[in-house]
Protein backbone atom coordinates (compact mmCIF):
# COMPACT_ATOMS: atom_id res chain seq x y z
CA UNK A 1 -0.19 0.73 -0.05
CA UNK A 2 0.54 3.48 -0.90
CA UNK A 3 1.94 5.80 2.00
CA UNK A 4 1.45 9.23 1.40
CA UNK A 5 3.57 12.08 0.96
CA UNK A 6 2.65 15.89 1.67
CA UNK A 7 4.92 18.10 0.52
CA UNK A 8 5.64 21.46 0.65
CA UNK A 9 5.54 24.07 -2.43
CA UNK A 10 7.96 23.32 -5.08
CA UNK A 11 8.67 25.99 -7.14
CA UNK A 12 7.57 30.01 -6.31
CA UNK A 13 8.39 31.60 -9.84
CA UNK A 14 7.65 35.31 -10.16
CA UNK A 15 7.55 37.34 -13.10
CA UNK A 16 8.39 41.01 -12.53
CA UNK A 17 9.15 42.76 -15.33
CA UNK A 18 8.58 40.00 -18.06
CA UNK A 19 11.99 38.42 -15.41
CA UNK A 20 11.23 35.61 -13.65
CA UNK A 21 13.53 33.91 -11.03
CA UNK A 22 13.40 30.95 -9.10
CA UNK A 23 13.37 30.70 -5.26
CA UNK A 24 16.58 30.45 -3.30
CA UNK A 25 15.01 27.73 -0.93
CA UNK A 26 14.30 26.05 -4.50
CA UNK A 27 18.06 24.54 -3.57
CA UNK A 28 17.00 22.78 -0.58
CA UNK A 29 13.36 21.60 -1.32
CA UNK A 30 14.65 19.67 -3.82
CA UNK A 31 17.25 17.99 -2.34
CA UNK A 32 14.62 17.38 1.15
CA UNK A 33 11.77 15.58 -1.47
CA UNK A 34 15.11 13.19 -3.14
CA UNK A 35 14.90 12.87 0.96
CA UNK A 36 12.07 12.03 0.95
CA UNK A 37 11.44 10.05 -1.63
CA UNK A 38 13.96 8.08 -0.63
CA UNK A 39 12.95 7.10 2.51
CA UNK A 40 9.47 6.46 1.22
CA UNK A 41 9.14 4.49 -2.13
CA UNK A 42 8.74 1.37 -3.08
CA UNK A 43 11.64 -1.59 -3.65
CA UNK A 44 13.31 -1.20 -7.09
CA UNK A 45 11.63 -3.17 -9.84
CA UNK A 46 13.12 -7.09 -10.79
CA UNK A 47 15.57 -6.48 -13.48
CA UNK A 48 15.26 -5.93 -17.21
CA UNK A 49 12.18 -4.46 -16.60
CA UNK A 50 11.53 -1.26 -17.51
CA UNK A 51 9.47 1.66 -15.42
CA UNK A 52 8.15 4.53 -17.73
CA UNK A 53 6.60 6.96 -15.59
CA UNK A 54 3.57 8.79 -16.77
CA UNK A 55 1.11 11.57 -16.43
CA UNK A 56 -1.77 9.99 -16.88
CA UNK A 57 -3.24 7.17 -18.22
CA UNK A 58 -4.04 5.57 -20.79
CA UNK A 59 -7.99 6.27 -22.34
CA UNK A 60 -7.75 3.80 -24.57
CA UNK A 61 -6.74 1.08 -25.54
CA UNK A 62 -8.25 -0.04 -28.59
CA UNK A 63 -6.53 1.45 -31.48
CA UNK A 64 -9.74 2.31 -33.49
CA UNK A 65 -10.55 4.48 -29.89
CA UNK A 66 -7.09 5.27 -29.38
CA UNK A 67 -6.75 9.74 -30.04
CA UNK A 68 -4.40 10.78 -26.74
CA UNK A 69 -1.50 10.58 -26.41
CA UNK A 70 -0.18 7.41 -24.04
CA UNK A 71 -2.93 5.39 -25.55
CA UNK A 72 -1.87 5.67 -28.88
CA UNK A 73 1.62 5.53 -27.77
CA UNK A 74 1.26 1.72 -26.39
CA UNK A 75 -0.92 1.09 -29.47
CA UNK A 76 2.34 1.50 -30.43
CA UNK A 77 3.84 -1.28 -29.03
CA UNK A 78 1.01 -3.88 -28.37
CA UNK A 79 -0.84 -3.60 -32.00
CA UNK A 80 0.87 -4.00 -35.70
CA UNK A 81 -0.81 -1.48 -38.20
CA UNK A 82 -0.61 -2.54 -42.08
CA UNK A 83 2.57 -0.04 -42.18
CA UNK A 84 4.82 1.89 -40.33
CA UNK A 85 7.09 4.97 -40.49
CA UNK A 86 10.13 5.94 -41.31
CA UNK A 87 11.60 8.18 -39.77
CA UNK A 88 10.76 10.15 -42.04
CA UNK A 89 7.02 9.92 -42.19
CA UNK A 90 7.26 7.70 -45.44
CA UNK A 91 5.16 4.46 -45.26
CA UNK A 92 7.11 1.39 -44.82
CA UNK A 93 5.90 -2.21 -44.64
CA UNK A 94 4.80 -3.26 -41.22
CA UNK A 95 2.79 -6.32 -41.58
CA UNK A 96 2.32 -6.04 -44.81
CA UNK A 97 5.14 -7.73 -46.75
CA UNK A 98 4.16 -6.21 -50.75
CA UNK A 99 1.57 -4.75 -52.19
CA UNK A 100 0.15 -3.96 -56.14
CA UNK A 101 -1.55 -0.56 -56.97
CA UNK A 102 -2.85 -1.57 -59.90
CA UNK A 103 -4.86 1.89 -60.57
CA UNK A 104 -5.55 5.08 -58.04
CA UNK A 105 -8.07 3.97 -56.36
CA UNK A 106 -7.12 0.08 -55.55
CA UNK A 107 -4.79 -1.55 -53.08
CA UNK A 108 -3.79 -5.30 -52.72
CA UNK A 109 -2.34 -6.01 -49.73
CA UNK A 110 -0.62 -9.18 -49.24
CA UNK A 111 0.92 -10.42 -45.72
CA UNK A 112 3.43 -12.24 -43.89
CA UNK A 113 2.18 -14.99 -42.82
CA UNK A 114 2.35 -16.82 -39.35
CA UNK A 115 2.47 -13.52 -37.02
CA UNK A 116 0.50 -14.46 -33.94
CA UNK A 117 -1.56 -12.64 -31.45
CA UNK A 118 -0.66 -12.12 -28.25
CA UNK A 119 -3.37 -15.46 -27.27
CA UNK A 120 -1.31 -17.57 -30.10
CA UNK A 121 -4.06 -17.79 -32.80
CA UNK A 122 -2.42 -15.88 -35.89
CA UNK A 123 -3.38 -12.70 -38.03
CA UNK A 124 -5.45 -13.30 -41.84
CA UNK A 125 -6.86 -10.97 -43.92
CA UNK A 126 -10.17 -11.59 -42.14
CA UNK A 127 -9.01 -9.63 -39.38
CA UNK A 128 -7.23 -6.87 -41.48
CA UNK A 129 -11.27 -6.92 -42.85
CA UNK A 130 -12.69 -6.93 -39.80
CA UNK A 131 -11.22 -3.64 -38.60
CA UNK A 132 -11.45 -1.22 -40.57
CA UNK A 133 -15.05 -2.23 -40.94
CA UNK A 134 -15.66 -1.74 -37.75
CA UNK A 135 -13.51 1.47 -37.68
CA UNK A 136 -16.02 2.33 -41.47
CA UNK A 137 -19.52 1.23 -39.24
CA UNK A 138 -20.91 4.53 -37.67
CA UNK A 139 -22.64 2.61 -34.69
CA UNK A 140 -19.48 1.87 -33.67
CA UNK A 141 -18.30 5.46 -33.93
CA UNK A 142 -14.90 5.45 -34.07
CA UNK A 143 -13.23 8.92 -34.48
CA UNK A 144 -10.87 7.82 -36.41
CA UNK A 145 -14.18 7.22 -39.68
CA UNK A 146 -12.99 10.25 -41.26
CA UNK A 147 -9.38 9.37 -41.66
CA UNK A 148 -11.11 6.12 -43.26
CA UNK A 149 -14.20 7.31 -44.95
CA UNK A 150 -12.59 6.93 -48.72
CA UNK A 151 -11.78 3.39 -48.80
CA UNK A 152 -15.23 1.99 -50.69
CA UNK A 153 -14.97 -1.35 -49.90
CA UNK A 154 -12.49 -4.23 -48.39
CA UNK A 155 -12.12 -8.03 -49.64
CA UNK A 156 -10.75 -10.76 -48.74
CA UNK A 157 -8.83 -12.69 -51.81
CA UNK A 158 -7.08 -15.42 -49.48
CA UNK A 159 -5.91 -15.72 -45.83
CA UNK A 160 -3.22 -13.55 -46.61
CA UNK A 161 -4.59 -11.56 -49.06
CA UNK A 162 -6.80 -8.11 -48.54
CA UNK A 163 -8.11 -5.89 -51.46
CA UNK A 164 -8.81 -1.75 -50.51
CA UNK A 165 -10.93 0.31 -53.22
CA UNK A 166 -11.19 3.18 -53.08
CA UNK A 167 -14.18 6.05 -53.57
CA UNK A 168 -11.56 8.20 -55.15
CA UNK A 169 -7.85 8.43 -55.31
CA UNK A 170 -6.92 9.51 -52.18
CA UNK A 171 -3.05 10.33 -51.65
CA UNK A 172 -2.46 9.11 -47.61
CA UNK A 173 -4.47 6.71 -47.43
CA UNK A 174 -1.23 4.31 -46.94
CA UNK A 175 0.15 6.56 -43.77
CA UNK A 176 -3.38 6.79 -41.91
CA UNK A 177 -2.90 2.77 -42.67
CA UNK A 178 -0.20 3.87 -40.77
CA UNK A 179 -1.98 4.71 -37.37
CA UNK A 180 -4.41 1.78 -37.39
CA UNK A 181 -3.11 -1.88 -35.03
CA UNK A 182 -5.23 -4.84 -37.01
CA UNK A 183 -7.12 -5.64 -34.13
CA UNK A 184 -8.41 -9.86 -33.66
CA UNK A 185 -11.55 -10.17 -34.91
CA UNK A 186 -12.11 -13.43 -32.50
CA UNK A 187 -11.64 -10.98 -29.75
CA UNK A 188 -12.60 -7.53 -30.71
CA UNK A 189 -15.71 -8.55 -31.80
CA UNK A 190 -16.78 -9.88 -28.17
CA UNK A 191 -17.31 -6.84 -26.66
CA UNK A 192 -15.95 -3.46 -27.60
CA UNK A 193 -15.77 -2.36 -24.21
CA UNK A 194 -13.87 -5.27 -22.50
CA UNK A 195 -10.79 -5.32 -25.78
CA UNK A 196 -10.70 -2.18 -24.79
CA UNK A 197 -9.73 -2.41 -21.08
CA UNK A 198 -7.83 -5.92 -22.10
CA UNK A 199 -6.33 -5.40 -25.26
CA UNK A 200 -4.82 -8.13 -27.98
CA UNK A 201 -2.43 -6.89 -30.84
CA UNK A 202 0.88 -8.55 -32.39
CA UNK A 203 3.02 -6.04 -30.71
CA UNK A 204 6.33 -6.77 -29.42
CA UNK A 205 4.25 -6.11 -25.97
CA UNK A 206 1.48 -7.91 -24.39
CA UNK A 207 -1.45 -6.57 -21.67
CA UNK A 208 -0.84 -8.35 -18.03
CA UNK A 209 -2.44 -5.97 -16.05
CA UNK A 210 -3.88 -2.31 -16.04
CA UNK A 211 -5.15 -0.52 -12.83
CA UNK A 212 -6.51 3.06 -14.01
CA UNK A 213 -4.94 5.77 -12.55
CA UNK A 214 -2.06 3.24 -11.31
CA UNK A 215 0.21 1.23 -13.63
CA UNK A 216 -0.08 -0.70 -16.54
CA UNK A 217 1.89 -3.01 -16.71
CA UNK A 218 3.18 -5.04 -19.90
CA UNK A 219 5.03 -8.76 -20.99
CA UNK A 220 7.04 -9.13 -23.60
CA UNK A 221 6.25 -10.65 -26.34
CA UNK A 222 8.95 -13.98 -27.00
CA UNK A 223 6.56 -14.88 -30.33
CA UNK A 224 7.01 -11.55 -32.14
CA UNK A 225 7.11 -11.68 -35.61
CA UNK A 226 9.94 -8.51 -35.13
CA UNK A 227 12.05 -11.21 -32.87
CA UNK A 228 11.54 -11.04 -29.52
CA UNK A 229 12.42 -7.27 -27.52
CA UNK A 230 15.02 -6.68 -25.58
CA UNK A 231 12.79 -6.54 -21.75
CA UNK A 232 11.23 -8.58 -20.55
CA UNK A 233 8.87 -6.87 -18.44
CA UNK A 234 7.26 -2.74 -18.88
CA UNK A 235 5.72 -0.94 -15.93
CA UNK A 236 4.22 2.01 -17.36
CA UNK A 237 3.89 4.46 -13.68
CA UNK A 238 1.14 7.02 -13.87
CA UNK A 239 2.12 10.04 -11.63
CA UNK A 240 0.29 12.97 -12.27
CA UNK A 241 2.16 15.42 -10.33
CA UNK A 242 5.27 15.48 -12.34
CA UNK A 243 7.65 16.27 -9.24
CA UNK A 244 7.32 13.05 -7.74
CA UNK A 245 7.42 11.64 -11.07
CA UNK A 246 11.20 13.46 -11.13
CA UNK A 247 11.68 12.46 -7.95
CA UNK A 248 10.98 8.96 -8.63
CA UNK A 249 13.37 9.14 -11.73
CA UNK A 250 17.01 10.39 -10.32
CA UNK A 251 15.84 8.17 -6.82
CA UNK A 252 16.03 4.89 -9.11
CA UNK A 253 12.14 4.00 -9.04
CA UNK A 254 11.41 4.90 -12.59
CA UNK A 255 13.82 4.34 -15.39
CA UNK A 256 12.51 6.83 -17.89
CA UNK A 257 10.62 10.01 -18.31
CA UNK A 258 9.74 11.53 -21.53
CA UNK A 259 8.83 15.53 -21.60
CA UNK A 260 6.19 16.15 -19.25
CA UNK A 261 9.37 17.54 -17.27
CA UNK A 262 9.51 20.99 -15.47
CA UNK A 263 12.35 22.95 -17.37
CA UNK A 264 13.51 24.16 -13.58
CA UNK A 265 14.75 21.36 -13.06
CA UNK A 266 16.93 20.09 -15.84
CA UNK A 267 20.31 21.57 -14.16
CA UNK A 268 19.87 18.78 -11.24
CA UNK A 269 19.24 16.20 -13.29
CA UNK A 270 22.82 17.11 -15.69
CA UNK A 271 24.15 17.00 -12.73
CA UNK A 272 22.66 13.26 -11.71
CA UNK A 273 25.41 11.19 -11.78
CA UNK A 274 22.81 8.56 -12.13
CA UNK A 275 21.26 9.84 -15.34
CA UNK A 276 21.53 10.67 -19.55
CA UNK A 277 19.61 13.45 -20.97
CA UNK A 278 18.40 12.87 -24.45
CA UNK A 279 16.88 15.76 -26.87
CA UNK A 280 15.79 16.56 -30.00
CA UNK A 281 13.32 18.61 -32.03
CA UNK A 282 10.08 17.44 -31.69
CA UNK A 283 6.72 18.14 -34.35
CA UNK A 284 3.81 17.80 -30.98
CA UNK A 285 2.41 21.00 -30.91
CA UNK A 286 0.86 22.65 -28.41
CA UNK A 287 -2.32 25.90 -29.10
CA UNK A 288 -5.14 27.07 -26.70
CA UNK A 289 -8.22 25.94 -28.31
CA UNK A 290 -11.75 27.98 -28.76
CA UNK A 291 -15.33 26.79 -28.53
CA UNK A 292 -16.46 28.77 -31.68
CA UNK A 293 -20.25 28.67 -30.91
CA UNK A 294 -19.75 30.26 -27.33
CA UNK A 295 -21.23 33.25 -28.76
CA UNK A 296 -17.78 35.43 -27.45
CA UNK A 297 -15.49 33.83 -28.24
CA UNK A 298 -17.78 33.52 -32.31
CA UNK A 299 -16.47 37.22 -32.76
CA UNK A 300 -12.86 37.32 -34.49
CA UNK A 301 -12.06 40.17 -32.92
CA UNK A 302 -12.28 38.69 -29.49
CA UNK A 303 -9.83 35.76 -30.68
CA UNK A 304 -7.64 38.24 -32.30
CA UNK A 305 -7.46 40.16 -28.98
CA UNK A 306 -6.76 37.35 -27.05
CA UNK A 307 -4.08 36.04 -29.32
CA UNK A 308 -1.81 39.80 -28.67
CA UNK A 309 -2.44 39.69 -24.80
CA UNK A 310 -0.86 36.22 -24.61
CA UNK A 311 2.69 37.00 -24.56
CA UNK A 312 4.27 34.02 -25.54
CA UNK A 313 7.83 34.99 -25.80
CA UNK A 314 8.44 35.65 -22.97
CA UNK A 315 6.75 31.58 -21.05
CA UNK A 316 9.51 30.08 -24.11
CA UNK A 317 11.87 31.59 -22.24
CA UNK A 318 11.22 32.68 -18.21
CA UNK A 319 8.88 29.69 -17.31
CA UNK A 320 9.87 26.91 -20.79
CA UNK A 321 13.66 27.30 -20.19
CA UNK A 322 13.74 27.48 -24.16
CA UNK A 323 12.53 23.76 -24.30
CA UNK A 324 10.18 24.59 -27.20
CA UNK A 325 10.08 26.84 -29.73
CA UNK A 326 7.54 29.78 -30.92
CA UNK A 327 4.61 27.68 -33.16
CA UNK A 328 2.74 29.71 -36.65
CA UNK A 329 0.67 26.41 -36.65
CA UNK A 330 -0.84 23.26 -36.57
CA UNK A 331 2.93 22.41 -38.78
CA UNK A 332 5.93 22.37 -37.33
CA UNK A 333 8.87 23.39 -40.10
CA UNK A 334 10.43 19.95 -40.44
CA UNK A 335 6.62 18.58 -42.76
CA UNK A 336 6.70 18.88 -46.28
CA UNK A 337 3.85 20.90 -45.76
CA UNK A 338 4.79 23.82 -43.74
CA UNK A 339 3.78 27.19 -44.72
CA UNK A 340 5.60 30.57 -42.69
CA UNK A 341 4.27 32.97 -44.51
CA UNK A 342 1.86 33.37 -42.27
CA UNK A 343 -0.31 35.60 -39.91
CA UNK A 344 1.51 36.04 -36.95
CA UNK A 345 -0.25 37.58 -34.14
CA UNK A 346 2.58 39.10 -31.99
CA UNK A 347 1.83 40.17 -28.56
CA UNK A 348 0.87 43.30 -28.39
CA UNK A 349 -1.61 45.40 -25.17
CA UNK A 350 -3.17 47.79 -26.77
CA UNK A 351 -4.10 46.13 -30.37
CA UNK A 352 -5.78 43.61 -27.58
CA UNK A 353 -6.95 46.58 -26.23
CA UNK A 354 -8.65 47.98 -28.98
CA UNK A 355 -10.44 44.85 -30.79
CA UNK A 356 -12.10 44.00 -27.30
CA UNK A 357 -13.75 47.80 -27.71
CA UNK A 358 -14.74 46.94 -31.50
CA UNK A 359 -15.30 43.95 -30.61
CA UNK A 360 -18.39 46.00 -28.93
CA UNK A 361 -16.77 44.28 -25.22
CA UNK A 362 -15.46 47.98 -23.77
CA UNK A 363 -14.00 48.43 -20.77
CA UNK A 364 -16.48 48.95 -18.12
CA UNK A 365 -13.81 50.73 -15.65
CA UNK A 366 -11.37 52.19 -17.41
CA UNK A 367 -8.31 50.82 -15.40
CA UNK A 368 -10.25 49.28 -12.92
CA UNK A 369 -10.51 45.86 -11.96
CA UNK A 370 -14.43 45.06 -12.81
CA UNK A 371 -13.80 42.61 -16.82
CA UNK A 372 -15.14 42.47 -19.86
CA UNK A 373 -16.65 38.93 -20.21
CA UNK A 374 -15.61 36.03 -18.24
CA UNK A 375 -14.36 32.61 -19.98
CA UNK A 376 -13.72 29.53 -18.32
CA UNK A 377 -10.28 28.16 -18.80
CA UNK A 378 -9.59 24.50 -18.34
CA UNK A 379 -6.08 21.91 -18.46
CA UNK A 380 -5.18 19.61 -16.65
CA UNK A 381 -3.50 18.97 -12.96
CA UNK A 382 -0.08 18.48 -14.26
CA UNK A 383 1.73 21.70 -12.32
CA UNK A 384 4.12 23.08 -15.51
CA UNK A 385 -0.27 23.20 -16.92
CA UNK A 386 -1.31 25.57 -14.58
CA UNK A 387 1.12 27.20 -14.57
CA UNK A 388 0.85 27.99 -18.49
CA UNK A 389 -2.77 29.06 -17.75
CA UNK A 390 -2.54 31.15 -14.82
CA UNK A 391 0.49 32.77 -16.59
CA UNK A 392 -2.13 33.24 -19.45
CA UNK A 393 -4.96 34.21 -16.48
CA UNK A 394 -3.02 37.01 -15.75
CA UNK A 395 -1.61 38.35 -19.71
CA UNK A 396 -5.41 38.10 -20.02
CA UNK A 397 -6.66 39.95 -17.60
CA UNK A 398 -4.35 42.95 -18.27
CA UNK A 399 -7.17 43.36 -21.37
CA UNK A 400 -9.94 43.15 -19.22
CA UNK A 401 -10.86 39.14 -19.78
CA UNK A 402 -11.40 36.78 -16.48
CA UNK A 403 -10.10 33.67 -17.20
CA UNK A 404 -11.43 31.11 -14.76
CA UNK A 405 -8.81 27.90 -14.40
CA UNK A 406 -10.53 25.12 -14.28
CA UNK A 407 -7.68 21.63 -13.86
CA UNK A 408 -9.12 18.01 -14.30
CA UNK A 409 -7.76 15.06 -14.33
CA UNK A 410 -6.57 13.71 -17.54
CA UNK A 411 -9.50 11.38 -18.47
CA UNK A 412 -12.29 14.55 -16.78
CA UNK A 413 -11.20 16.69 -19.24
CA UNK A 414 -10.79 14.75 -22.99
CA UNK A 415 -14.46 14.28 -21.88
CA UNK A 416 -15.32 17.21 -22.49
CA UNK A 417 -12.84 18.41 -24.62
CA UNK A 418 -14.17 15.55 -26.87
CA UNK A 419 -17.66 16.98 -26.18
CA UNK A 420 -17.34 20.83 -25.96
CA UNK A 421 -18.06 21.37 -22.96
CA UNK A 422 -15.62 24.07 -23.03
CA UNK A 423 -15.24 28.42 -23.14
CA UNK A 424 -10.87 27.49 -24.13
CA UNK A 425 -8.65 25.01 -22.86
CA UNK A 426 -4.98 24.12 -24.44
CA UNK A 427 -3.94 20.80 -25.35
CA UNK A 428 -1.05 19.49 -27.46
CA UNK A 429 -1.07 17.33 -31.56
CA UNK A 430 1.29 14.55 -31.53
CA UNK A 431 2.34 12.31 -34.52
CA UNK A 432 1.10 14.95 -37.04
CA UNK A 433 2.67 13.03 -40.77
CA UNK A 434 0.20 13.60 -43.52
CA UNK A 435 -1.40 17.21 -43.45
CA UNK A 436 -4.30 15.69 -44.42
CA UNK A 437 -5.03 15.71 -40.22
CA UNK A 438 -6.24 19.29 -41.12
CA UNK A 439 -9.01 17.86 -43.02
CA UNK A 440 -9.88 15.38 -38.97
CA UNK A 441 -9.40 19.18 -37.13
CA UNK A 442 -11.50 21.32 -39.66
CA UNK A 443 -13.13 19.62 -41.73
CA UNK A 444 -17.53 20.99 -40.57
CA UNK A 445 -17.40 17.30 -40.75
CA UNK A 446 -15.57 16.27 -38.42
CA UNK A 447 -17.27 17.90 -35.24
CA UNK A 448 -16.92 14.73 -32.69
CA UNK A 449 -18.23 12.03 -33.00
CA UNK A 450 -16.95 11.89 -36.99
CA UNK A 451 -13.43 13.57 -36.04
CA UNK A 452 -11.80 16.08 -33.68
CA UNK A 453 -12.92 19.69 -35.09
CA UNK A 454 -13.88 20.12 -31.33
CA UNK A 455 -14.58 24.09 -32.02
CA UNK A 456 -17.19 23.32 -34.47
CA UNK A 457 -14.67 25.83 -37.07
CA UNK A 458 -17.44 26.34 -40.23
CA UNK A 459 -14.95 27.41 -43.31
CA UNK A 460 -16.81 26.27 -46.66
CA UNK A 461 -13.35 27.50 -48.72
CA UNK A 462 -11.59 25.25 -46.07
CA UNK A 463 -13.90 22.79 -46.54
CA UNK A 464 -13.46 22.07 -50.24
CA UNK A 465 -9.36 23.29 -50.21
CA UNK A 466 -9.03 19.96 -47.48
CA UNK A 467 -10.75 18.09 -49.41
CA UNK A 468 -8.47 18.85 -52.33
CA UNK A 469 -5.82 17.69 -50.63
CA UNK A 470 -6.60 14.65 -49.63
CA UNK A 471 -7.79 13.65 -53.87
CA UNK A 472 -4.67 15.20 -55.76
CA UNK A 473 -1.68 12.46 -56.06
CA UNK A 474 0.36 15.49 -57.65
CA UNK A 475 2.88 15.84 -54.20
CA UNK A 476 3.77 19.90 -55.61
CA UNK A 477 -0.92 20.52 -56.07
CA UNK A 478 -1.41 18.96 -52.59
CA UNK A 479 1.69 21.55 -51.30
CA UNK A 480 -0.49 24.51 -52.49
CA UNK A 481 -3.56 23.06 -51.18
CA UNK A 482 -2.07 23.11 -48.01
CA UNK A 483 -0.08 26.40 -47.87
CA UNK A 484 -3.61 28.41 -48.61
CA UNK A 485 -5.53 26.28 -45.84
CA UNK A 486 -2.91 27.36 -43.30
CA UNK A 487 -2.97 30.77 -44.38
CA UNK A 488 -7.05 30.60 -44.06
CA UNK A 489 -6.87 28.94 -40.65
CA UNK A 490 -4.00 31.43 -39.25
CA UNK A 491 -6.85 34.46 -40.39
CA UNK A 492 -9.36 32.30 -38.88
CA UNK A 493 -8.05 31.62 -35.22
CA UNK A 494 -9.84 28.46 -34.07
CA UNK A 495 -6.54 28.02 -32.74
CA UNK A 496 -4.32 30.44 -31.61
CA UNK A 497 -0.53 28.71 -32.33
CA UNK A 498 2.19 28.23 -28.85
CA UNK A 499 4.93 26.90 -29.12
CA UNK A 500 6.30 23.36 -30.37
CA UNK A 501 7.88 21.45 -27.91
CA UNK A 502 11.86 19.69 -28.05
CA UNK A 503 11.05 16.24 -27.25
CA UNK A 504 13.35 15.50 -24.17
CA UNK A 505 13.98 11.77 -22.52
CA UNK A 506 15.32 11.16 -19.94
CA UNK A 507 16.65 8.43 -18.41
CA UNK A 508 18.85 5.96 -15.88
CA UNK A 509 22.47 5.43 -17.47
CA UNK A 510 21.51 1.40 -16.85
CA UNK A 511 18.83 1.75 -20.43
CA UNK A 512 20.50 1.88 -23.61
CA UNK A 513 18.30 1.74 -27.48
CA UNK A 514 15.44 4.32 -26.49
CA UNK A 515 15.36 6.57 -29.04
CA UNK A 516 13.40 9.68 -28.53
CA UNK A 517 10.99 10.47 -32.24
CA UNK A 518 9.28 13.96 -32.98
CA UNK A 519 6.09 13.19 -32.50
CA UNK A 520 7.98 11.41 -29.17
CA UNK A 521 6.78 7.75 -30.37
CA UNK A 522 7.53 4.77 -27.68
CA UNK A 523 8.02 2.43 -30.98
CA UNK A 524 11.78 2.65 -30.08
CA UNK A 525 11.21 0.32 -27.34
CA UNK A 526 10.99 -3.35 -28.95
CA UNK A 527 15.34 -2.63 -28.49
CA UNK A 528 15.17 -1.62 -25.72
CA UNK A 529 17.26 -3.48 -23.13
CA UNK A 530 19.25 -2.19 -19.57
CA UNK A 531 21.67 -3.80 -17.80
CA UNK A 532 21.96 -6.34 -14.91
């Protein structure tokens, strides 16, 4: 049984004249907490068991439903898709050994023989057909239905051959296949709810235990067609508090953390003899989202005022310590379709005040304490995310916008966002590969449950362009289409772009083989091994 830990205030951050200072007590507090955790921590896990710290539990381990980052990353090592993506986001065969493309709308996939699910049964073309048939069934309510809506028919030609026919040419088809693990028909069709909690795939690890909000236990799949993993077990330990996660890492109770690490603590981490740090530029995009059905936020001048009132550069410099780079849109400079020449909203308090006046929300008392209007800002319970929300709250208060911060555990927050129960929220998009993701996020048909247009954004021109972008096979033409789309989004402001995260992995020196991917994926875990 875990003993309660009572922690003193960890970091006191003061922002004065855009200058951040850290309390001198931080040093004493940090080492006090290390000693405290050393006294209270559980015994170290068995050798060749890797313990990874996570901020929150995955919401759903069925790949047909997985959309949050932790769910998606875990399904990557529990399941195999038809294709996987190389480090440059190009699709390469995974369960597929080869394929034929006789015309622009027909794909014939020849599957590897002898690929086994975790119960020993063989993966066949029937499982492939079942996986995508269920996604395309409206009653199944898969959030990935929009990614595969161009599929006209799926036919099993024999035990190891399946034919997909599309309604029209669809440029991101192979890349989209790479996000979807194949599920076993015989197990998944019994109960979708049970399968989401007891998933069974073909991946290098198989689930042996799932205690929500506590831990997920995976065991090596020694019969994996990709080869035996280097680890015997992986334990994903759910530790919502970033400070406690870090302290457990420093004391060996956790072996690996990726991202969600307080930037102020990196000087301490770099001095720990038992730890090593890997940094790589990432594509994870953080943003501020709006409910465009709200009577206040549907006014574009209000959204533009908010964009100008947020001093991103100060947050990046003083709070995030440069571990992120300023973002201009969802697609990062690493993406082939990135358009850098878009409207940018630099910090400008005077302009924000003027825009709010023009929107009809006059300041009721000049420089007094009364606000023009109030909004709620939903975020997670993570301390750094809450701190950023508090800074944005302070910055918006300066221009007369009152913000009530509401922080929730991940499951509750994500449920509210998906159901449109918010004014403003801040989240991140991970795993952005093909720009067709913009259809899933912003097309008017992608309003939940059909996609991720959670703010209810509607623009007929953008609808037309996103359809054109996915139907155009010529890469140069696609680039022009997505260039215009990015410019429209910058003008309409359904999101305020914040930053792209630099991926940082901090691990015990006994851990070897872990690779930091641009999207923060866990796919290299199959090749990780540990010193005895």
